[in-house]
All heavy atoms as atom14 arrays in JSON, in Angstrom:
{
  "sequence": "RYVRVARERIESTLELDESAMKTMTSKRTQPRVPFGTLVE",
  "atom14_mask": [
    [1, 1, 1, 1, 1, 1, 1, 1, 1, 1, 1, 0, 0, 0],
    [1, 1, 1, 1, 1, 1, 1, 1, 1, 1, 1, 1, 0, 0],
    [1, 1, 1, 1, 1, 1, 1, 0, 0, 0, 0, 0, 0, 0],
    [1, 1, 1, 1, 1, 1, 1, 1, 1, 1, 1, 0, 0, 0],
    [1, 1, 1, 1, 1, 1, 1, 0, 0, 0, 0, 0, 0, 0],
    [1, 1, 1, 1, 1, 0, 0, 0, 0, 0, 0, 0, 0, 0],
    [1, 1, 1, 1, 1, 1, 1, 1, 1, 1, 1, 0, 0, 0],
    [1, 1, 1, 1, 1, 1, 1, 1, 1, 0, 0, 0, 0, 0],
    [1, 1, 1, 1, 1, 1, 1, 1, 1, 1, 1, 0, 0, 0],
    [1, 1, 1, 1, 1, 1, 1, 1, 0, 0, 0, 0, 0, 0],
    [1, 1, 1, 1, 1, 1, 1, 1, 1, 0, 0, 0, 0, 0],
    [1, 1, 1, 1, 1, 1, 0, 0, 0, 0, 0, 0, 0, 0],
    [1, 1, 1, 1, 1, 1, 1, 0, 0, 0, 0, 0, 0, 0],
    [1, 1, 1, 1, 1, 1, 1, 1, 0, 0, 0, 0, 0, 0],
    [1, 1, 1, 1, 1, 1, 1, 1, 1, 0, 0, 0, 0, 0],
    [1, 1, 1, 1, 1, 1, 1, 1, 0, 0, 0, 0, 0, 0],
    [1, 1, 1, 1, 1, 1, 1, 1, 0, 0, 0, 0, 0, 0],
    [1, 1, 1, 1, 1, 1, 1, 1, 1, 0, 0, 0, 0, 0],
    [1, 1, 1, 1, 1, 1, 0, 0, 0, 0, 0, 0, 0, 0],
    [1, 1, 1, 1, 1, 0, 0, 0, 0, 0, 0, 0, 0, 0],
    [1, 1, 1, 1, 1, 1, 1, 1, 0, 0, 0, 0, 0, 0],
    [1, 1, 1, 1, 1, 1, 1, 1, 1, 0, 0, 0, 0, 0],
    [1, 1, 1, 1, 1, 1, 1, 0, 0, 0, 0, 0, 0, 0],
    [1, 1, 1, 1, 1, 1, 1, 1, 0, 0, 0, 0, 0, 0],
    [1, 1, 1, 1, 1, 1, 1, 0, 0, 0, 0, 0, 0, 0],
    [1, 1, 1, 1, 1, 1, 0, 0, 0, 0, 0, 0, 0, 0],
    [1, 1, 1, 1, 1, 1, 1, 1, 1, 0, 0, 0, 0, 0],
    [1, 1, 1, 1, 1, 1, 1, 1, 1, 1, 1, 0, 0, 0],
    [1, 1, 1, 1, 1, 1, 1, 0, 0, 0, 0, 0, 0, 0],
    [1, 1, 1, 1, 1, 1, 1, 1, 1, 0, 0, 0, 0, 0],
    [1, 1, 1, 1, 1, 1, 1, 0, 0, 0, 0, 0, 0, 0],
    [1, 1, 1, 1, 1, 1, 1, 1, 1, 1, 1, 0, 0, 0],
    [1, 1, 1, 1, 1, 1, 1, 0, 0, 0, 0, 0, 0, 0],
    [1, 1, 1, 1, 1, 1, 1, 0, 0, 0, 0, 0, 0, 0],
    [1, 1, 1, 1, 1, 1, 1, 1, 1, 1, 1, 0, 0, 0],
    [1, 1, 1, 1, 0, 0, 0, 0, 0, 0, 0, 0, 0, 0],
    [1, 1, 1, 1, 1, 1, 1, 0, 0, 0, 0, 0, 0, 0],
    [1, 1, 1, 1, 1, 1, 1, 1, 0, 0, 0, 0, 0, 0],
    [1, 1, 1, 1, 1, 1, 1, 0, 0, 0, 0, 0, 0, 0],
    [1, 1, 1, 1, 1, 1, 1, 1, 1, 0, 0, 0, 0, 0]
  ],
  "atom14_positions": [
    [[-50.18, -57.81, 39.41], [-50.59, -57.68, 40.81], [-50.2, -59.01, 41.55], [-49.91, -58.97, 42.66], [-52.08, -57.45, 40.88], [-52.97, -58.54, 40.35], [-54.45, -58.08, 40.39], [-55.37, -59.1, 40.08], [-55.72, -59.46, 38.81], [-55.08, -58.86, 37.83], [-56.57, -60.42, 38.61], [0.0, 0.0, 0.0], [0.0, 0.0, 0.0], [0.0, 0.0, 0.0]],
    [[-50.12, -60.11, 40.79], [-49.75, -61.35, 41.46], [-48.2, -61.39, 41.64], [-47.75, -61.94, 42.67], [-50.18, -62.57, 40.56], [-51.67, -62.72, 40.41], [-52.21, -63.35, 39.28], [-52.56, -62.23, 41.44], [-53.58, -63.49, 39.11], [-53.91, -62.38, 41.24], [-54.47, -63.03, 40.08], [-55.79, -63.17, 39.94], [0.0, 0.0, 0.0], [0.0, 0.0, 0.0]],
    [[-47.5, -60.9, 40.61], [-46.06, -60.97, 40.76], [-45.49, -60.17, 41.94], [-44.66, -60.63, 42.67], [-45.42, -60.28, 39.44], [-43.91, -60.1, 39.51], [-45.74, -61.09, 38.2], [0.0, 0.0, 0.0], [0.0, 0.0, 0.0], [0.0, 0.0, 0.0], [0.0, 0.0, 0.0], [0.0, 0.0, 0.0], [0.0, 0.0, 0.0], [0.0, 0.0, 0.0]],
    [[-46.11, -59.01, 42.25], [-45.71, -58.22, 43.35], [-45.84, -58.99, 44.7], [-44.83, -59.07, 45.48], [-46.43, -56.92, 43.48], [-46.08, -56.1, 44.61], [-46.78, -54.72, 44.6], [-48.23, -54.9, 44.29], [-49.18, -55.19, 45.2], [-48.86, -55.46, 46.45], [-50.45, -55.29, 44.81], [0.0, 0.0, 0.0], [0.0, 0.0, 0.0], [0.0, 0.0, 0.0]],
    [[-46.98, -59.58, 44.88], [-47.24, -60.29, 46.17], [-46.39, -61.65, 46.28], [-45.91, -62.06, 47.28], [-48.71, -60.58, 46.45], [-49.43, -59.32, 46.61], [-49.33, -61.39, 45.31], [0.0, 0.0, 0.0], [0.0, 0.0, 0.0], [0.0, 0.0, 0.0], [0.0, 0.0, 0.0], [0.0, 0.0, 0.0], [0.0, 0.0, 0.0], [0.0, 0.0, 0.0]],
    [[-46.15, -62.16, 45.08], [-45.39, -63.46, 44.94], [-43.94, -63.17, 45.42], [-43.35, -63.95, 46.17], [-45.44, -64.06, 43.61], [0.0, 0.0, 0.0], [0.0, 0.0, 0.0], [0.0, 0.0, 0.0], [0.0, 0.0, 0.0], [0.0, 0.0, 0.0], [0.0, 0.0, 0.0], [0.0, 0.0, 0.0], [0.0, 0.0, 0.0], [0.0, 0.0, 0.0]],
    [[-43.33, -62.07, 44.96], [-42.01, -61.75, 45.32], [-41.95, -61.46, 46.82], [-40.91, -61.99, 47.51], [-41.53, -60.46, 44.57], [-41.23, -60.81, 43.13], [-40.45, -59.61, 42.48], [-40.09, -59.89, 41.1], [-40.49, -59.24, 40.1], [-41.36, -58.27, 40.23], [-40.11, -59.54, 38.79], [0.0, 0.0, 0.0], [0.0, 0.0, 0.0], [0.0, 0.0, 0.0]],
    [[-42.8, -60.75, 47.41], [-42.78, -60.5, 48.92], [-42.93, -61.79, 49.58], [-42.2, -61.98, 50.6], [-43.93, -59.51, 49.21], [-43.74, -58.13, 48.61], [-44.98, -57.3, 48.8], [-45.99, -57.71, 49.35], [-44.94, -56.06, 48.42], [0.0, 0.0, 0.0], [0.0, 0.0, 0.0], [0.0, 0.0, 0.0], [0.0, 0.0, 0.0], [0.0, 0.0, 0.0]],
    [[-43.81, -62.57, 49.16], [-44.01, -63.94, 49.84], [-42.74, -64.76, 49.81], [-42.39, -65.35, 50.89], [-45.17, -64.63, 49.18], [-45.47, -66.0, 49.77], [-46.56, -66.75, 48.94], [-47.01, -67.97, 49.51], [-47.88, -68.78, 48.9], [-48.34, -68.46, 47.78], [-48.17, -69.91, 49.46], [0.0, 0.0, 0.0], [0.0, 0.0, 0.0], [0.0, 0.0, 0.0]],
    [[-42.14, -64.96, 48.69], [-40.99, -65.87, 48.63], [-39.82, -65.33, 49.38], [-39.09, -66.05, 50.0], [-40.62, -66.08, 47.09], [-41.82, -66.81, 46.42], [-39.37, -66.86, 46.99], [-41.59, -66.85, 44.95], [0.0, 0.0, 0.0], [0.0, 0.0, 0.0], [0.0, 0.0, 0.0], [0.0, 0.0, 0.0], [0.0, 0.0, 0.0], [0.0, 0.0, 0.0]],
    [[-39.63, -63.96, 49.38], [-38.51, -63.39, 50.07], [-38.6, -63.62, 51.59], [-37.62, -63.63, 52.3], [-38.47, -61.88, 49.78], [-37.88, -61.59, 48.37], [-37.97, -60.11, 48.05], [-38.45, -59.33, 48.94], [-37.63, -59.71, 46.93], [0.0, 0.0, 0.0], [0.0, 0.0, 0.0], [0.0, 0.0, 0.0], [0.0, 0.0, 0.0], [0.0, 0.0, 0.0]],
    [[-39.84, -63.79, 52.1], [-40.12, -63.95, 53.51], [-40.05, -65.45, 53.91], [-40.19, -65.75, 55.11], [-41.44, -63.34, 53.9], [-42.48, -64.02, 53.29], [0.0, 0.0, 0.0], [0.0, 0.0, 0.0], [0.0, 0.0, 0.0], [0.0, 0.0, 0.0], [0.0, 0.0, 0.0], [0.0, 0.0, 0.0], [0.0, 0.0, 0.0], [0.0, 0.0, 0.0]],
    [[-39.96, -66.35, 52.91], [-39.97, -67.8, 53.19], [-38.59, -68.21, 53.76], [-37.53, -67.93, 53.12], [-40.32, -68.54, 51.92], [-41.61, -68.19, 51.51], [-40.33, -70.12, 52.21], [0.0, 0.0, 0.0], [0.0, 0.0, 0.0], [0.0, 0.0, 0.0], [0.0, 0.0, 0.0], [0.0, 0.0, 0.0], [0.0, 0.0, 0.0], [0.0, 0.0, 0.0]],
    [[-38.52, -68.98, 54.8], [-37.31, -69.44, 55.39], [-37.02, -70.9, 54.84], [-37.89, -71.74, 54.66], [-37.51, -69.62, 56.89], [-37.71, -68.26, 57.61], [-37.8, -68.49, 59.15], [-36.53, -67.3, 57.42], [0.0, 0.0, 0.0], [0.0, 0.0, 0.0], [0.0, 0.0, 0.0], [0.0, 0.0, 0.0], [0.0, 0.0, 0.0], [0.0, 0.0, 0.0]],
    [[-35.78, -71.08, 54.43], [-35.34, -72.35, 53.94], [-35.15, -73.31, 55.14], [-34.79, -72.94, 56.22], [-34.04, -72.2, 53.2], [-34.09, -71.29, 51.95], [-32.78, -71.19, 51.29], [-32.11, -72.22, 51.07], [-32.35, -70.0, 51.0], [0.0, 0.0, 0.0], [0.0, 0.0, 0.0], [0.0, 0.0, 0.0], [0.0, 0.0, 0.0], [0.0, 0.0, 0.0]],
    [[-35.4, -74.65, 54.84], [-35.11, -75.58, 55.84], [-33.65, -75.76, 55.9], [-32.9, -75.68, 54.93], [-35.78, -77.01, 55.48], [-37.32, -77.05, 55.49], [-37.72, -78.46, 55.03], [-37.84, -76.7, 56.8], [0.0, 0.0, 0.0], [0.0, 0.0, 0.0], [0.0, 0.0, 0.0], [0.0, 0.0, 0.0], [0.0, 0.0, 0.0], [0.0, 0.0, 0.0]],
    [[-33.03, -76.1, 57.13], [-31.63, -76.26, 57.2], [-31.29, -77.68, 56.58], [-32.09, -78.47, 56.38], [-31.15, -76.15, 58.65], [-31.71, -77.23, 59.56], [-31.75, -78.39, 59.12], [-32.1, -76.84, 60.71], [0.0, 0.0, 0.0], [0.0, 0.0, 0.0], [0.0, 0.0, 0.0], [0.0, 0.0, 0.0], [0.0, 0.0, 0.0], [0.0, 0.0, 0.0]],
    [[-29.99, -77.86, 56.36], [-29.52, -78.99, 55.55], [-29.91, -80.3, 56.23], [-30.29, -81.32, 55.6], [-28.03, -78.94, 55.37], [-27.53, -79.98, 54.46], [-26.0, -79.81, 54.05], [-25.49, -78.76, 54.37], [-25.43, -80.8, 53.62], [0.0, 0.0, 0.0], [0.0, 0.0, 0.0], [0.0, 0.0, 0.0], [0.0, 0.0, 0.0], [0.0, 0.0, 0.0]],
    [[-29.84, -80.35, 57.59], [-30.16, -81.64, 58.24], [-31.62, -81.97, 58.16], [-31.97, -83.13, 58.01], [-29.71, -81.5, 59.75], [-30.47, -80.5, 60.38], [0.0, 0.0, 0.0], [0.0, 0.0, 0.0], [0.0, 0.0, 0.0], [0.0, 0.0, 0.0], [0.0, 0.0, 0.0], [0.0, 0.0, 0.0], [0.0, 0.0, 0.0], [0.0, 0.0, 0.0]],
    [[-32.47, -80.98, 58.08], [-33.87, -81.26, 58.02], [-34.29, -81.75, 56.63], [-35.34, -82.26, 56.44], [-34.71, -80.03, 58.4], [0.0, 0.0, 0.0], [0.0, 0.0, 0.0], [0.0, 0.0, 0.0], [0.0, 0.0, 0.0], [0.0, 0.0, 0.0], [0.0, 0.0, 0.0], [0.0, 0.0, 0.0], [0.0, 0.0, 0.0], [0.0, 0.0, 0.0]],
    [[-33.43, -81.38, 55.6], [-33.74, -81.77, 54.25], [-33.65, -83.22, 54.01], [-34.09, -83.69, 52.93], [-32.8, -80.96, 53.31], [-33.17, -79.51, 53.24], [-34.81, -79.26, 52.55], [-34.6, -80.15, 50.98], [0.0, 0.0, 0.0], [0.0, 0.0, 0.0], [0.0, 0.0, 0.0], [0.0, 0.0, 0.0], [0.0, 0.0, 0.0], [0.0, 0.0, 0.0]],
    [[-32.92, -83.94, 54.84], [-32.74, -85.41, 54.62], [-34.09, -86.11, 54.58], [-34.93, -85.96, 55.52], [-31.8, -85.98, 55.61], [-30.35, -85.47, 55.45], [-29.49, -86.09, 56.54], [-28.03, -85.55, 56.44], [-27.14, -86.11, 57.48], [0.0, 0.0, 0.0], [0.0, 0.0, 0.0], [0.0, 0.0, 0.0], [0.0, 0.0, 0.0], [0.0, 0.0, 0.0]],
    [[-34.3, -87.02, 53.63], [-35.5, -87.84, 53.65], [-35.12, -89.26, 53.56], [-34.01, -89.66, 53.24], [-36.36, -87.46, 52.42], [-35.57, -87.67, 51.2], [-36.8, -85.96, 52.46], [0.0, 0.0, 0.0], [0.0, 0.0, 0.0], [0.0, 0.0, 0.0], [0.0, 0.0, 0.0], [0.0, 0.0, 0.0], [0.0, 0.0, 0.0], [0.0, 0.0, 0.0]],
    [[-36.19, -90.15, 53.75], [-36.0, -91.53, 53.57], [-35.76, -91.84, 52.14], [-36.43, -91.36, 51.23], [-37.24, -92.29, 54.12], [-37.51, -92.15, 55.49], [-36.26, -93.02, 56.54], [-36.73, -94.71, 56.23], [0.0, 0.0, 0.0], [0.0, 0.0, 0.0], [0.0, 0.0, 0.0], [0.0, 0.0, 0.0], [0.0, 0.0, 0.0], [0.0, 0.0, 0.0]],
    [[-34.76, -92.72, 51.86], [-34.45, -93.08, 50.43], [-34.83, -94.52, 50.24], [-34.93, -95.33, 51.12], [-33.01, -92.83, 50.15], [-32.2, -93.62, 51.04], [-32.58, -91.42, 50.28], [0.0, 0.0, 0.0], [0.0, 0.0, 0.0], [0.0, 0.0, 0.0], [0.0, 0.0, 0.0], [0.0, 0.0, 0.0], [0.0, 0.0, 0.0], [0.0, 0.0, 0.0]],
    [[-34.97, -94.86, 48.97], [-35.24, -96.26, 48.63], [-34.11, -97.18, 49.13], [-32.95, -96.81, 48.97], [-35.43, -96.42, 47.14], [-35.45, -97.76, 46.73], [0.0, 0.0, 0.0], [0.0, 0.0, 0.0], [0.0, 0.0, 0.0], [0.0, 0.0, 0.0], [0.0, 0.0, 0.0], [0.0, 0.0, 0.0], [0.0, 0.0, 0.0], [0.0, 0.0, 0.0]],
    [[-34.44, -98.34, 49.62], [-33.38, -99.23, 50.0], [-32.43, -99.56, 48.85], [-31.31, -99.93, 49.0], [-33.91, -100.45, 50.68], [-34.54, -100.25, 52.01], [-34.98, -101.49, 52.66], [-35.32, -101.35, 54.14], [-36.29, -100.32, 54.48], [0.0, 0.0, 0.0], [0.0, 0.0, 0.0], [0.0, 0.0, 0.0], [0.0, 0.0, 0.0], [0.0, 0.0, 0.0]],
    [[-32.97, -99.48, 47.67], [-32.24, -99.8, 46.45], [-31.14, -98.78, 46.24], [-30.12, -99.03, 45.59], [-33.12, -99.9, 45.22], [-34.06, -101.1, 45.19], [-34.8, -101.14, 43.84], [-35.73, -102.21, 43.81], [-37.03, -102.02, 44.07], [-37.56, -100.84, 44.45], [-37.87, -103.11, 43.96], [0.0, 0.0, 0.0], [0.0, 0.0, 0.0], [0.0, 0.0, 0.0]],
    [[-31.27, -97.57, 46.74], [-30.32, -96.51, 46.53], [-29.29, -96.48, 47.58], [-28.31, -95.72, 47.43], [-31.02, -95.15, 46.44], [-31.49, -94.73, 47.72], [-32.17, -95.11, 45.46], [0.0, 0.0, 0.0], [0.0, 0.0, 0.0], [0.0, 0.0, 0.0], [0.0, 0.0, 0.0], [0.0, 0.0, 0.0], [0.0, 0.0, 0.0], [0.0, 0.0, 0.0]],
    [[-29.41, -97.18, 48.7], [-28.49, -97.18, 49.75], [-27.17, -97.94, 49.42], [-27.25, -98.85, 48.56], [-29.1, -97.76, 51.03], [-30.29, -96.91, 51.59], [-30.88, -97.57, 52.76], [-30.58, -98.76, 53.1], [-31.77, -96.86, 53.47], [0.0, 0.0, 0.0], [0.0, 0.0, 0.0], [0.0, 0.0, 0.0], [0.0, 0.0, 0.0], [0.0, 0.0, 0.0]],
    [[-26.11, -97.54, 49.96], [-24.83, -98.27, 49.7], [-24.94, -99.71, 50.18], [-25.66, -100.0, 51.18], [-23.81, -97.52, 50.52], [-24.37, -96.17, 50.83], [-25.85, -96.36, 50.84], [0.0, 0.0, 0.0], [0.0, 0.0, 0.0], [0.0, 0.0, 0.0], [0.0, 0.0, 0.0], [0.0, 0.0, 0.0], [0.0, 0.0, 0.0], [0.0, 0.0, 0.0]],
    [[-24.38, -100.58, 49.37], [-24.38, -101.95, 49.71], [-23.5, -102.24, 50.92], [-22.36, -101.79, 50.99], [-23.92, -102.85, 48.48], [-23.98, -104.35, 48.8], [-23.55, -105.15, 47.6], [-23.59, -106.55, 47.92], [-22.51, -107.27, 48.51], [-21.44, -106.59, 48.89], [-22.62, -108.57, 48.74], [0.0, 0.0, 0.0], [0.0, 0.0, 0.0], [0.0, 0.0, 0.0]],
    [[-24.12, -103.01, 51.9], [-23.41, -103.21, 53.15], [-23.3, -104.75, 53.37], [-24.31, -105.38, 53.67], [-24.1, -102.62, 54.39], [-23.33, -102.9, 55.66], [-24.24, -101.12, 54.19], [0.0, 0.0, 0.0], [0.0, 0.0, 0.0], [0.0, 0.0, 0.0], [0.0, 0.0, 0.0], [0.0, 0.0, 0.0], [0.0, 0.0, 0.0], [0.0, 0.0, 0.0]],
    [[-22.09, -105.33, 53.2], [-22.05, -106.8, 53.51], [-22.22, -107.03, 55.03], [-21.83, -106.21, 55.86], [-20.55, -107.09, 53.14], [-20.13, -105.95, 52.21], [-20.92, -104.74, 52.72], [0.0, 0.0, 0.0], [0.0, 0.0, 0.0], [0.0, 0.0, 0.0], [0.0, 0.0, 0.0], [0.0, 0.0, 0.0], [0.0, 0.0, 0.0], [0.0, 0.0, 0.0]],
    [[-22.84, -108.14, 55.31], [-23.13, -108.4, 56.7], [-21.8, -108.54, 57.49], [-21.67, -108.16, 58.65], [-23.93, -109.72, 56.81], [-24.2, -110.19, 58.27], [-24.93, -109.39, 59.13], [-23.65, -111.34, 58.77], [-25.2, -109.75, 60.41], [-23.93, -111.8, 60.07], [-24.61, -110.88, 60.87], [0.0, 0.0, 0.0], [0.0, 0.0, 0.0], [0.0, 0.0, 0.0]],
    [[-20.78, -109.05, 56.77], [-19.43, -109.18, 57.41], [-18.88, -107.87, 57.93], [-18.08, -107.82, 58.89], [0.0, 0.0, 0.0], [0.0, 0.0, 0.0], [0.0, 0.0, 0.0], [0.0, 0.0, 0.0], [0.0, 0.0, 0.0], [0.0, 0.0, 0.0], [0.0, 0.0, 0.0], [0.0, 0.0, 0.0], [0.0, 0.0, 0.0], [0.0, 0.0, 0.0]],
    [[-19.24, -106.78, 57.24], [-18.76, -105.43, 57.71], [-19.27, -105.16, 59.14], [-18.53, -104.64, 59.94], [-19.24, -104.36, 56.78], [-18.72, -104.57, 55.43], [-18.85, -102.93, 57.23], [0.0, 0.0, 0.0], [0.0, 0.0, 0.0], [0.0, 0.0, 0.0], [0.0, 0.0, 0.0], [0.0, 0.0, 0.0], [0.0, 0.0, 0.0], [0.0, 0.0, 0.0]],
    [[-20.5, -105.54, 59.46], [-21.11, -105.27, 60.76], [-20.33, -106.1, 61.87], [-20.23, -105.66, 62.95], [-22.56, -105.57, 60.75], [-23.42, -104.82, 59.67], [-24.86, -105.09, 59.96], [-23.09, -103.35, 59.67], [0.0, 0.0, 0.0], [0.0, 0.0, 0.0], [0.0, 0.0, 0.0], [0.0, 0.0, 0.0], [0.0, 0.0, 0.0], [0.0, 0.0, 0.0]],
    [[-19.92, -107.34, 61.4], [-19.17, -108.15, 62.31], [-17.76, -107.58, 62.56], [-17.28, -107.51, 63.69], [-18.99, -109.62, 61.69], [-18.18, -110.47, 62.72], [-20.37, -110.2, 61.6], [0.0, 0.0, 0.0], [0.0, 0.0, 0.0], [0.0, 0.0, 0.0], [0.0, 0.0, 0.0], [0.0, 0.0, 0.0], [0.0, 0.0, 0.0], [0.0, 0.0, 0.0]],
    [[-17.15, -107.05, 61.47], [-15.82, -106.51, 61.58], [-15.69, -105.34, 62.47], [-14.81, -105.13, 63.23], [-15.37, -106.01, 60.13], [-14.91, -107.14, 59.24], [-14.53, -106.64, 57.86], [-15.18, -105.59, 57.34], [-13.61, -107.24, 57.26], [0.0, 0.0, 0.0], [0.0, 0.0, 0.0], [0.0, 0.0, 0.0], [0.0, 0.0, 0.0], [0.0, 0.0, 0.0]]
  ]
}
């Protein structure tokens, strides 16, 4: 009885679009940016 309602529920769930999926990441995971690049 749970399986039936679960299937119906999930099928009606809308996925977030790709742009909305972006989240804040740790600064440690960001590409290294030399300050000189910003000057360039």
